[in-house]
Amino acid sequence: ELKPRYPIFGGWNYSFRIGWNNDLASFLRRAAG
C-alpha cells in the first residue's frame, strides 16, 4: 500500500519507482533434455 507525498488532484502529476525480488525458480524452467 503506497501513499504519495501529496494527494494527486486533477491535472497533477507524480513520479515514483518501486521494486522487489522473487525466487527465479518460480518463473524460469529449463527446456527438456
ModelCIF file with pLDDT and N, C-alpha, C, O atoms, coordinates in Angstrom:
data_MODEL
#
_entry.id   MODEL 
#
_entity.id                         1 
_entity.type                       polymer 
_entity.pdbx_number_of_molecules   1 
#
_entity_poly.entity_id                      1 
_entity_poly.type                           'polypeptide(L)' 
_entity_poly.nstd_linkage                   no 
_entity_poly.nstd_monomer                   no 
_entity_poly.pdbx_seq_one_letter_code       ELKPRYPIFGGWNYSFRIGWNNDLASFLRRAAG 
_entity_poly.pdbx_seq_one_letter_code_can   ELKPRYPIFGGWNYSFRIGWNNDLASFLRRAAG 
_entity_poly.pdbx_strand_id                 A 
#
loop_
_entity_poly_seq.entity_id 
_entity_poly_seq.num 
_entity_poly_seq.mon_id 
_entity_poly_seq.hetero 
1 1  GLU n 
1 2  LEU n 
1 3  LYS n 
1 4  PRO n 
1 5  ARG n 
1 6  TYR n 
1 7  PRO n 
1 8  ILE n 
1 9  PHE n 
1 10 GLY n 
1 11 GLY n 
1 12 TRP n 
1 13 ASN n 
1 14 TYR n 
1 15 SER n 
1 16 PHE n 
1 17 ARG n 
1 18 ILE n 
1 19 GLY n 
1 20 TRP n 
1 21 ASN n 
1 22 ASN n 
1 23 ASP n 
1 24 LEU n 
1 25 ALA n 
1 26 SER n 
1 27 PHE n 
1 28 LEU n 
1 29 ARG n 
1 30 ARG n 
1 31 ALA n 
1 32 ALA n 
1 33 GLY n 
#
_struct_asym.id          A 
_struct_asym.entity_id   1 
#
loop_
_ma_qa_metric.id 
_ma_qa_metric.mode 
_ma_qa_metric.name 
_ma_qa_metric.software_group_id 
_ma_qa_metric.type 
1 global pLDDT . pLDDT 
2 local  pLDDT . pLDDT 
#
_ma_qa_metric_global.metric_id      1 
_ma_qa_metric_global.metric_value   91.85 
_ma_qa_metric_global.model_id       1 
_ma_qa_metric_global.ordinal_id     1 
#
loop_
_ma_qa_metric_local.label_asym_id 
_ma_qa_metric_local.label_comp_id 
_ma_qa_metric_local.label_seq_id 
_ma_qa_metric_local.metric_id 
_ma_qa_metric_local.metric_value 
_ma_qa_metric_local.model_id 
_ma_qa_metric_local.ordinal_id 
A GLU 1  2 92.00 1 1  
A LEU 2  2 93.00 1 2  
A LYS 3  2 92.00 1 3  
A PRO 4  2 94.00 1 4  
A ARG 5  2 92.00 1 5  
A TYR 6  2 92.00 1 6  
A PRO 7  2 94.00 1 7  
A ILE 8  2 96.00 1 8  
A PHE 9  2 96.00 1 9  
A GLY 10 2 94.00 1 10 
A GLY 11 2 95.00 1 11 
A TRP 12 2 96.00 1 12 
A ASN 13 2 97.00 1 13 
A TYR 14 2 96.00 1 14 
A SER 15 2 96.00 1 15 
A PHE 16 2 96.00 1 16 
A ARG 17 2 95.00 1 17 
A ILE 18 2 96.00 1 18 
A GLY 19 2 95.00 1 19 
A TRP 20 2 95.00 1 20 
A ASN 21 2 95.00 1 21 
A ASN 22 2 94.00 1 22 
A ASP 23 2 93.00 1 23 
A LEU 24 2 93.00 1 24 
A ALA 25 2 92.00 1 25 
A SER 26 2 92.00 1 26 
A PHE 27 2 93.00 1 27 
A LEU 28 2 91.00 1 28 
A ARG 29 2 91.00 1 29 
A ARG 30 2 85.00 1 30 
A ALA 31 2 80.00 1 31 
A ALA 32 2 74.00 1 32 
A GLY 33 2 66.00 1 33 
#
loop_
_atom_site.group_PDB 
_atom_site.id 
_atom_site.type_symbol 
_atom_site.label_atom_id 
_atom_site.label_alt_id 
_atom_site.label_comp_id 
_atom_site.label_asym_id 
_atom_site.label_entity_id 
_atom_site.label_seq_id 
_atom_site.pdbx_PDB_ins_code 
_atom_site.Cartn_x 
_atom_site.Cartn_y 
_atom_site.Cartn_z 
_atom_site.occupancy 
_atom_site.B_iso_or_equiv 
_atom_site.pdbx_formal_charge 
_atom_site.auth_seq_id 
_atom_site.auth_comp_id 
_atom_site.auth_asym_id 
_atom_site.auth_atom_id 
_atom_site.pdbx_PDB_model_num 
ATOM 1   N N  . GLU A 1 1  ? 0.853  -1.186  0.000   1.00 92.00 ? 1  GLU A N  1 
ATOM 2   C CA . GLU A 1 1  ? 0.000  0.000   0.000   1.00 92.00 ? 1  GLU A CA 1 
ATOM 3   C C  . GLU A 1 1  ? 0.890  1.238   0.000   1.00 92.00 ? 1  GLU A C  1 
ATOM 4   O O  . GLU A 1 1  ? 1.680  1.443   0.921   1.00 92.00 ? 1  GLU A O  1 
ATOM 5   N N  . LEU A 1 2  ? 0.757  2.060   -1.037  1.00 93.00 ? 2  LEU A N  1 
ATOM 6   C CA . LEU A 1 2  ? 1.611  3.224   -1.219  1.00 93.00 ? 2  LEU A CA 1 
ATOM 7   C C  . LEU A 1 2  ? 0.812  4.505   -1.033  1.00 93.00 ? 2  LEU A C  1 
ATOM 8   O O  . LEU A 1 2  ? -0.308 4.619   -1.530  1.00 93.00 ? 2  LEU A O  1 
ATOM 9   N N  . LYS A 1 3  ? 1.380  5.459   -0.325  1.00 92.00 ? 3  LYS A N  1 
ATOM 10  C CA . LYS A 1 3  ? 0.774  6.775   -0.188  1.00 92.00 ? 3  LYS A CA 1 
ATOM 11  C C  . LYS A 1 3  ? 1.742  7.818   -0.728  1.00 92.00 ? 3  LYS A C  1 
ATOM 12  O O  . LYS A 1 3  ? 2.826  8.000   -0.175  1.00 92.00 ? 3  LYS A O  1 
ATOM 13  N N  . PRO A 1 4  ? 1.359  8.510   -1.811  1.00 94.00 ? 4  PRO A N  1 
ATOM 14  C CA . PRO A 1 4  ? 2.223  9.576   -2.325  1.00 94.00 ? 4  PRO A CA 1 
ATOM 15  C C  . PRO A 1 4  ? 2.437  10.666  -1.284  1.00 94.00 ? 4  PRO A C  1 
ATOM 16  O O  . PRO A 1 4  ? 1.704  10.744  -0.298  1.00 94.00 ? 4  PRO A O  1 
ATOM 17  N N  . ARG A 1 5  ? 3.436  11.502  -1.505  1.00 92.00 ? 5  ARG A N  1 
ATOM 18  C CA . ARG A 1 5  ? 3.742  12.561  -0.541  1.00 92.00 ? 5  ARG A CA 1 
ATOM 19  C C  . ARG A 1 5  ? 2.635  13.612  -0.479  1.00 92.00 ? 5  ARG A C  1 
ATOM 20  O O  . ARG A 1 5  ? 2.535  14.347  0.503   1.00 92.00 ? 5  ARG A O  1 
ATOM 21  N N  . TYR A 1 6  ? 1.807  13.689  -1.515  1.00 92.00 ? 6  TYR A N  1 
ATOM 22  C CA . TYR A 1 6  ? 0.717  14.660  -1.551  1.00 92.00 ? 6  TYR A CA 1 
ATOM 23  C C  . TYR A 1 6  ? -0.445 14.049  -2.336  1.00 92.00 ? 6  TYR A C  1 
ATOM 24  O O  . TYR A 1 6  ? -0.223 13.181  -3.181  1.00 92.00 ? 6  TYR A O  1 
ATOM 25  N N  . PRO A 1 7  ? -1.687 14.489  -2.069  1.00 94.00 ? 7  PRO A N  1 
ATOM 26  C CA . PRO A 1 7  ? -2.821 13.970  -2.851  1.00 94.00 ? 7  PRO A CA 1 
ATOM 27  C C  . PRO A 1 7  ? -2.689 14.433  -4.299  1.00 94.00 ? 7  PRO A C  1 
ATOM 28  O O  . PRO A 1 7  ? -2.269 15.561  -4.560  1.00 94.00 ? 7  PRO A O  1 
ATOM 29  N N  . ILE A 1 8  ? -3.046 13.564  -5.231  1.00 96.00 ? 8  ILE A N  1 
ATOM 30  C CA . ILE A 1 8  ? -2.890 13.873  -6.649  1.00 96.00 ? 8  ILE A CA 1 
ATOM 31  C C  . ILE A 1 8  ? -4.264 14.257  -7.209  1.00 96.00 ? 8  ILE A C  1 
ATOM 32  O O  . ILE A 1 8  ? -5.080 13.394  -7.533  1.00 96.00 ? 8  ILE A O  1 
ATOM 33  N N  . PHE A 1 9  ? -4.503 15.575  -7.318  1.00 96.00 ? 9  PHE A N  1 
ATOM 34  C CA . PHE A 1 9  ? -5.764 16.071  -7.858  1.00 96.00 ? 9  PHE A CA 1 
ATOM 35  C C  . PHE A 1 9  ? -5.708 16.119  -9.384  1.00 96.00 ? 9  PHE A C  1 
ATOM 36  O O  . PHE A 1 9  ? -4.668 15.850  -9.985  1.00 96.00 ? 9  PHE A O  1 
ATOM 37  N N  . GLY A 1 10 ? -6.839 16.465  -10.003 1.00 94.00 ? 10 GLY A N  1 
ATOM 38  C CA . GLY A 1 10 ? -6.918 16.512  -11.455 1.00 94.00 ? 10 GLY A CA 1 
ATOM 39  C C  . GLY A 1 10 ? -5.859 17.428  -12.050 1.00 94.00 ? 10 GLY A C  1 
ATOM 40  O O  . GLY A 1 10 ? -5.693 18.568  -11.617 1.00 94.00 ? 10 GLY A O  1 
ATOM 41  N N  . GLY A 1 11 ? -5.148 16.920  -13.041 1.00 95.00 ? 11 GLY A N  1 
ATOM 42  C CA . GLY A 1 11 ? -4.091 17.684  -13.686 1.00 95.00 ? 11 GLY A CA 1 
ATOM 43  C C  . GLY A 1 11 ? -2.751 17.603  -12.989 1.00 95.00 ? 11 GLY A C  1 
ATOM 44  O O  . GLY A 1 11 ? -1.757 18.112  -13.506 1.00 95.00 ? 11 GLY A O  1 
ATOM 45  N N  . TRP A 1 12 ? -2.700 16.965  -11.806 1.00 96.00 ? 12 TRP A N  1 
ATOM 46  C CA . TRP A 1 12 ? -1.442 16.845  -11.057 1.00 96.00 ? 12 TRP A CA 1 
ATOM 47  C C  . TRP A 1 12 ? -0.699 15.591  -11.488 1.00 96.00 ? 12 TRP A C  1 
ATOM 48  O O  . TRP A 1 12 ? -1.290 14.628  -11.977 1.00 96.00 ? 12 TRP A O  1 
ATOM 49  N N  . ASN A 1 13 ? 0.621  15.630  -11.293 1.00 97.00 ? 13 ASN A N  1 
ATOM 50  C CA . ASN A 1 13 ? 1.494  14.522  -11.687 1.00 97.00 ? 13 ASN A CA 1 
ATOM 51  C C  . ASN A 1 13 ? 2.255  13.993  -10.473 1.00 97.00 ? 13 ASN A C  1 
ATOM 52  O O  . ASN A 1 13 ? 2.432  14.698  -9.479  1.00 97.00 ? 13 ASN A O  1 
ATOM 53  N N  . TYR A 1 14 ? 2.699  12.750  -10.571 1.00 96.00 ? 14 TYR A N  1 
ATOM 54  C CA . TYR A 1 14 ? 3.542  12.158  -9.522  1.00 96.00 ? 14 TYR A CA 1 
ATOM 55  C C  . TYR A 1 14 ? 4.394  11.063  -10.163 1.00 96.00 ? 14 TYR A C  1 
ATOM 56  O O  . TYR A 1 14 ? 3.869  10.197  -10.863 1.00 96.00 ? 14 TYR A O  1 
ATOM 57  N N  . SER A 1 15 ? 5.683  11.100  -9.930  1.00 96.00 ? 15 SER A N  1 
ATOM 58  C CA . SER A 1 15 ? 6.586  10.082  -10.465 1.00 96.00 ? 15 SER A CA 1 
ATOM 59  C C  . SER A 1 15 ? 7.248  9.348   -9.297  1.00 96.00 ? 15 SER A C  1 
ATOM 60  O O  . SER A 1 15 ? 7.627  9.963   -8.300  1.00 96.00 ? 15 SER A O  1 
ATOM 61  N N  . PHE A 1 16 ? 7.380  8.038   -9.434  1.00 96.00 ? 16 PHE A N  1 
ATOM 62  C CA . PHE A 1 16 ? 7.953  7.221   -8.369  1.00 96.00 ? 16 PHE A CA 1 
ATOM 63  C C  . PHE A 1 16 ? 8.437  5.912   -8.950  1.00 96.00 ? 16 PHE A C  1 
ATOM 64  O O  . PHE A 1 16 ? 8.182  5.604   -10.114 1.00 96.00 ? 16 PHE A O  1 
ATOM 65  N N  . ARG A 1 17 ? 9.139  5.139   -8.132  1.00 95.00 ? 17 ARG A N  1 
ATOM 66  C CA . ARG A 1 17 ? 9.578  3.804   -8.536  1.00 95.00 ? 17 ARG A CA 1 
ATOM 67  C C  . ARG A 1 17 ? 9.378  2.830   -7.387  1.00 95.00 ? 17 ARG A C  1 
ATOM 68  O O  . ARG A 1 17 ? 9.471  3.200   -6.217  1.00 95.00 ? 17 ARG A O  1 
ATOM 69  N N  . ILE A 1 18 ? 9.106  1.594   -7.734  1.00 96.00 ? 18 ILE A N  1 
ATOM 70  C CA . ILE A 1 18 ? 9.019  0.544   -6.728  1.00 96.00 ? 18 ILE A CA 1 
ATOM 71  C C  . ILE A 1 18 ? 9.821  -0.654  -7.248  1.00 96.00 ? 18 ILE A C  1 
ATOM 72  O O  . ILE A 1 18 ? 10.070 -0.770  -8.448  1.00 96.00 ? 18 ILE A O  1 
ATOM 73  N N  . GLY A 1 19 ? 10.216 -1.529  -6.343  1.00 95.00 ? 19 GLY A N  1 
ATOM 74  C CA . GLY A 1 19 ? 10.967 -2.706  -6.732  1.00 95.00 ? 19 GLY A CA 1 
ATOM 75  C C  . GLY A 1 19 ? 10.849 -3.802  -5.691  1.00 95.00 ? 19 GLY A C  1 
ATOM 76  O O  . GLY A 1 19 ? 10.465 -3.556  -4.548  1.00 95.00 ? 19 GLY A O  1 
ATOM 77  N N  . TRP A 1 20 ? 11.189 -5.025  -6.106  1.00 95.00 ? 20 TRP A N  1 
ATOM 78  C CA . TRP A 1 20 ? 11.131 -6.168  -5.193  1.00 95.00 ? 20 TRP A CA 1 
ATOM 79  C C  . TRP A 1 20 ? 11.888 -7.330  -5.835  1.00 95.00 ? 20 TRP A C  1 
ATOM 80  O O  . TRP A 1 20 ? 12.322 -7.233  -6.983  1.00 95.00 ? 20 TRP A O  1 
ATOM 81  N N  . ASN A 1 21 ? 12.044 -8.424  -5.096  1.00 95.00 ? 21 ASN A N  1 
ATOM 82  C CA . ASN A 1 21 ? 12.758 -9.612  -5.576  1.00 95.00 ? 21 ASN A CA 1 
ATOM 83  C C  . ASN A 1 21 ? 11.866 -10.843 -5.494  1.00 95.00 ? 21 ASN A C  1 
ATOM 84  O O  . ASN A 1 21 ? 10.943 -10.912 -4.683  1.00 95.00 ? 21 ASN A O  1 
ATOM 85  N N  . ASN A 1 22 ? 12.166 -11.811 -6.355  1.00 94.00 ? 22 ASN A N  1 
ATOM 86  C CA . ASN A 1 22 ? 11.478 -13.109 -6.340  1.00 94.00 ? 22 ASN A CA 1 
ATOM 87  C C  . ASN A 1 22 ? 12.489 -14.228 -6.587  1.00 94.00 ? 22 ASN A C  1 
ATOM 88  O O  . ASN A 1 22 ? 13.556 -14.012 -7.161  1.00 94.00 ? 22 ASN A O  1 
ATOM 89  N N  . ASP A 1 23 ? 12.126 -15.414 -6.141  1.00 93.00 ? 23 ASP A N  1 
ATOM 90  C CA . ASP A 1 23 ? 12.927 -16.600 -6.452  1.00 93.00 ? 23 ASP A CA 1 
ATOM 91  C C  . ASP A 1 23 ? 12.788 -16.905 -7.938  1.00 93.00 ? 23 ASP A C  1 
ATOM 92  O O  . ASP A 1 23 ? 11.675 -17.065 -8.438  1.00 93.00 ? 23 ASP A O  1 
ATOM 93  N N  . LEU A 1 24 ? 13.911 -16.985 -8.646  1.00 93.00 ? 24 LEU A N  1 
ATOM 94  C CA . LEU A 1 24 ? 13.888 -17.186 -10.089 1.00 93.00 ? 24 LEU A CA 1 
ATOM 95  C C  . LEU A 1 24 ? 13.237 -18.510 -10.467 1.00 93.00 ? 24 LEU A C  1 
ATOM 96  O O  . LEU A 1 24 ? 12.644 -18.617 -11.541 1.00 93.00 ? 24 LEU A O  1 
ATOM 97  N N  . ALA A 1 25 ? 13.334 -19.517 -9.609  1.00 92.00 ? 25 ALA A N  1 
ATOM 98  C CA . ALA A 1 25 ? 12.787 -20.840 -9.925  1.00 92.00 ? 25 ALA A CA 1 
ATOM 99  C C  . ALA A 1 25 ? 11.276 -20.803 -10.156 1.00 92.00 ? 25 ALA A C  1 
ATOM 100 O O  . ALA A 1 25 ? 10.728 -21.710 -10.783 1.00 92.00 ? 25 ALA A O  1 
ATOM 101 N N  . SER A 1 26 ? 10.596 -19.766 -9.660  1.00 92.00 ? 26 SER A N  1 
ATOM 102 C CA . SER A 1 26 ? 9.146  -19.657 -9.847  1.00 92.00 ? 26 SER A CA 1 
ATOM 103 C C  . SER A 1 26 ? 8.781  -19.197 -11.253 1.00 92.00 ? 26 SER A C  1 
ATOM 104 O O  . SER A 1 26 ? 7.619  -19.293 -11.649 1.00 92.00 ? 26 SER A O  1 
ATOM 105 N N  . PHE A 1 27 ? 9.759  -18.695 -12.018 1.00 93.00 ? 27 PHE A N  1 
ATOM 106 C CA . PHE A 1 27 ? 9.470  -18.116 -13.328 1.00 93.00 ? 27 PHE A CA 1 
ATOM 107 C C  . PHE A 1 27 ? 10.284 -18.735 -14.462 1.00 93.00 ? 27 PHE A C  1 
ATOM 108 O O  . PHE A 1 27 ? 9.928  -18.582 -15.630 1.00 93.00 ? 27 PHE A O  1 
ATOM 109 N N  . LEU A 1 28 ? 11.370 -19.430 -14.133 1.00 91.00 ? 28 LEU A N  1 
ATOM 110 C CA . LEU A 1 28 ? 12.281 -19.945 -15.149 1.00 91.00 ? 28 LEU A CA 1 
ATOM 111 C C  . LEU A 1 28 ? 12.320 -21.470 -15.113 1.00 91.00 ? 28 LEU A C  1 
ATOM 112 O O  . LEU A 1 28 ? 12.366 -22.074 -14.041 1.00 91.00 ? 28 LEU A O  1 
ATOM 113 N N  . ARG A 1 29 ? 12.301 -22.075 -16.282 1.00 91.00 ? 29 ARG A N  1 
ATOM 114 C CA . ARG A 1 29 ? 12.459 -23.536 -16.358 1.00 91.00 ? 29 ARG A CA 1 
ATOM 115 C C  . ARG A 1 29 ? 13.395 -23.867 -17.524 1.00 91.00 ? 29 ARG A C  1 
ATOM 116 O O  . ARG A 1 29 ? 13.530 -23.115 -18.489 1.00 91.00 ? 29 ARG A O  1 
ATOM 117 N N  . ARG A 1 30 ? 14.013 -24.999 -17.385 1.00 85.00 ? 30 ARG A N  1 
ATOM 118 C CA . ARG A 1 30 ? 14.922 -25.470 -18.424 1.00 85.00 ? 30 ARG A CA 1 
ATOM 119 C C  . ARG A 1 30 ? 14.151 -26.348 -19.397 1.00 85.00 ? 30 ARG A C  1 
ATOM 120 O O  . ARG A 1 30 ? 13.313 -27.153 -18.990 1.00 85.00 ? 30 ARG A O  1 
ATOM 121 N N  . ALA A 1 31 ? 14.441 -26.189 -20.686 1.00 80.00 ? 31 ALA A N  1 
ATOM 122 C CA . ALA A 1 31 ? 13.759 -26.990 -21.691 1.00 80.00 ? 31 ALA A CA 1 
ATOM 123 C C  . ALA A 1 31 ? 14.141 -28.452 -21.543 1.00 80.00 ? 31 ALA A C  1 
ATOM 124 O O  . ALA A 1 31 ? 15.175 -28.783 -20.963 1.00 80.00 ? 31 ALA A O  1 
ATOM 125 N N  . ALA A 1 32 ? 13.290 -29.322 -22.075 1.00 74.00 ? 32 ALA A N  1 
ATOM 126 C CA . ALA A 1 32 ? 13.520 -30.769 -21.969 1.00 74.00 ? 32 ALA A CA 1 
ATOM 127 C C  . ALA A 1 32 ? 14.852 -31.153 -22.601 1.00 74.00 ? 32 ALA A C  1 
ATOM 128 O O  . ALA A 1 32 ? 15.269 -30.576 -23.605 1.00 74.00 ? 32 ALA A O  1 
ATOM 129 N N  . GLY A 1 33 ? 15.507 -32.131 -21.997 1.00 66.00 ? 33 GLY A N  1 
ATOM 130 C CA . GLY A 1 33 ? 16.799 -32.585 -22.497 1.00 66.00 ? 33 GLY A CA 1 
ATOM 131 C C  . GLY A 1 33 ? 17.879 -32.357 -21.455 1.00 66.00 ? 33 GLY A C  1 
ATOM 132 O O  . GLY A 1 33 ? 19.043 -32.677 -21.692 1.00 66.00 ? 33 GLY A O  1 
#
